[in-house]
Amino acid sequence: MESLQVTRLMSCKLSANISHKACSFRPSRQLGFSSLSRRSFQNGKLTVARSDITENGGGFGGLDDSSNSNSIEEEDDEEEEEEEKNGLMLGLDRDDCGSVIALQLIPPSGEVAINSHQDEAADTKGEDEGIEEEKGGEAEIQSRVTYNIVFVTAEAAPYSKTGGLGDVCSSLPGVLAGRGHRVMVVSPRYLNGTSADKNFTGAYDVDRRIKVPCFGEEQEVAFFHEYKKGVDWVFVDHPSYHRPGNLYGDSHGAFGDNQFRFTLLCHAACEAPLVLPLGGYTYGEKCLFLVNDWHAGLVPVLLASKYRPFGIYKDARSILVIHNLAHQGVEPAASFKNLGLPLEWYGALEWVFPTWARTHALDTGEAVNILKGAIVTADRILTVSKGYAWEITTVEGGYGLNELLSSRRIVLNGIVNGIDVTEWDPSSDEHISFHYSADDLSGKARCKTALQQELGLPIRPECPLIGFIGRLDYQKGIDLIRWAIPELMEDNVQFVSEVMLGSGDPLYEDWMRAAEKTYRDKFRGWVGFNVPISHRITASCDILLMPSRFEPCGLNQLYAMRYGTVPVVHATGGLRDTVENFNPYAGDGSGEGTGWTFSPLTKESMLEALRTAIMTYRDHKSTWEALMRRGMQRDFTWETAAIHYEQVFEWACIDPPYIT
């Protein structure tokens, strides 16, 4: 084997037998020497010359056995000699014909650390993987575009939450921040005099006040800020957010000034990137606003009507995220003048109820619809599942906005929500008695026994335990459950439900209490939302029932599958997208699917699906365990959802603003 001395800095002139035109110079990185050069050539660079034209076919780069050493001229003899002592040898391996077949870098002592090609492969495998990983990582960093993202939302857990919206605006911002984006979440600073107020203790007053021109005068709002987990949490403060009750109402119903409260939120959210020096500097005008539901729906209207005409936010984009189209922020037409919008923009929010929906013969049906205004001015529109994106363009699911949404179908997409897999993890959940995983399911049976004992139910491992978690709301299909319970209780099953206190018709709360008395050994109802109980029911039940009339995405079925609880759901919206209907004949007889979907939404259809699931649980244990494991192995992480969101961000920024 021949060798050529290589030092940290090589300066050479081309020998007579190397043509300038035929010689190409490449950085060591392209030749796979980047890892080595970082260690051995930290203050210099290694350049290898390759000649395509040479007078000696056995030579390498014009240097062969007979090459004159004078062809390499030193600029500084003493310095070069010193570097040669510390240099490496570039070894040339030739085949029987004299052709160069390999290079080796060896110390000047002549010792070769790699004695065979097998040893070389083993020794360099980790280094090669590191190089590839480094290249892939650098390419990803170079190609990924980062954005200034502003979430505008009425709720964000753990600061405020009544449902899935709070979960989404809690988890997604942190994941996007972890992917390199700068993220701000703007929501109200609710204070209702309960222990929930302590959630805001980490937020401080940033000493910025703005005047919002709306509702006939200038309203002063303040901003509070907390930086946590890479996210700027900004809370809009105003006395209208300080009152007893939940976020939107109290025991008497929805607050009458919700339009006022969320108009303040939207105006403040538009100003926050411009006036708040978070981390020492503002977000500026080049932002992506993610506006969630009607509460934030005025943001894209304000951008189009009050900012862009004056050259502000001309590079900003707005993306409307519809979590529930049923809530649209509809108020009398006379309230338009209170919104702080130019009068010529009334048409964007104008809404006329059909004749059958008007209250009396003299009612003209004229109103303002904030969500409609967002739909016609947002640059892109998202829903929380692909199925729901289609449903809202139909007469049945569009709530009067289906034609408008159909006209914007080209910018309408659906992305399934993710879940927080650190909070919802059966192998480490602090709220459950025993832990388990897809590899070891034994802890789930023990969780079931613990819940039966906690709720005073007979401990019966062989009895299927069915769960329901949700609001006592018509949307959630609680009426179907009420009608089906007498027939269901004739079977050998147990039923556990957790419903939010005051979340629906008191009639259903009374029914649940009556059912407990009627079916003492089979039925338990928990009235009042409790996070530990939700986790324990999810972990302990064998079946989760979700007969929702419509479900934009749904999170409980995702939690259930994560915990090996098999969902039985109505085939609608996000439920249809996320629950794969069980097929026992697929997969060469091993079966496919993660649960059961049923349609149409009738008591008979629901009971048929439940009975099939119960029969499978009792008579086909191996099939049931395979169902559980498939559900537990599904990927519903926010990281996956965030990649899809970034694609939508890119689409939004490629096109000019929808309204300029």
Foldseek 3Di string as FASTA:
>chain_A
DDKDWDFLDFDFDQDPFADPVQKDKDFVLVVVCVVVCVPHNVPHGDIDIAGPTGPDQLDGNNDDPPDDPVRGDDPDVVVVVVRSQATWIWDFDADPVNHTDDTDTHHPVPDDPQDDPVSVCVVCVVVVVVSVVVVVVVVCVVPDDAFEEEEQDAEAPPLADDDDVNQQNDPLQLLSLVVPYAYEYEHAQAAAPDPSNVVCVQWAWQPDWDWDQFPPGTAIWTWTWDQDSRYTYIHIYDCVRYHHAGSAPHLVDGDPCLVVVLLVSQVVSVCQQPPGCVVHRGSALQHEYEYEALSNLCNLVCCQFPAVVPPGSQLYAYEYEYQALVDFPKDALVRPRRSRGPPVCSVQFWDADPPVPDDDDPDRRIIGTSNSSSLLRHLAYEYQAQQLLVQCLDPVNVNPCNVVSVVVNVRYGYFHAFHDCVCLAQQDHPLFDFGDALVGLVRLLVLQQVVCVVQVADRDSLAAEEEEEEAPAVQQVLVLCLVQVVVVLVDRHAYEYEYAASRYDVVSVVSLVVVCVVNVNHYDYHYHDDVSVLSSCLQHGQEYEGAGPAGQADDSCLSNLLNLRAYEYECHHNVVVQWFAWDCPPPVRLIDTQHHYFDDRHSVRSVVRVVVVSCCVNPPVSSSSVSSSVSSPDDRHSSVSSVVVSVSVVVSSVDRRPRD
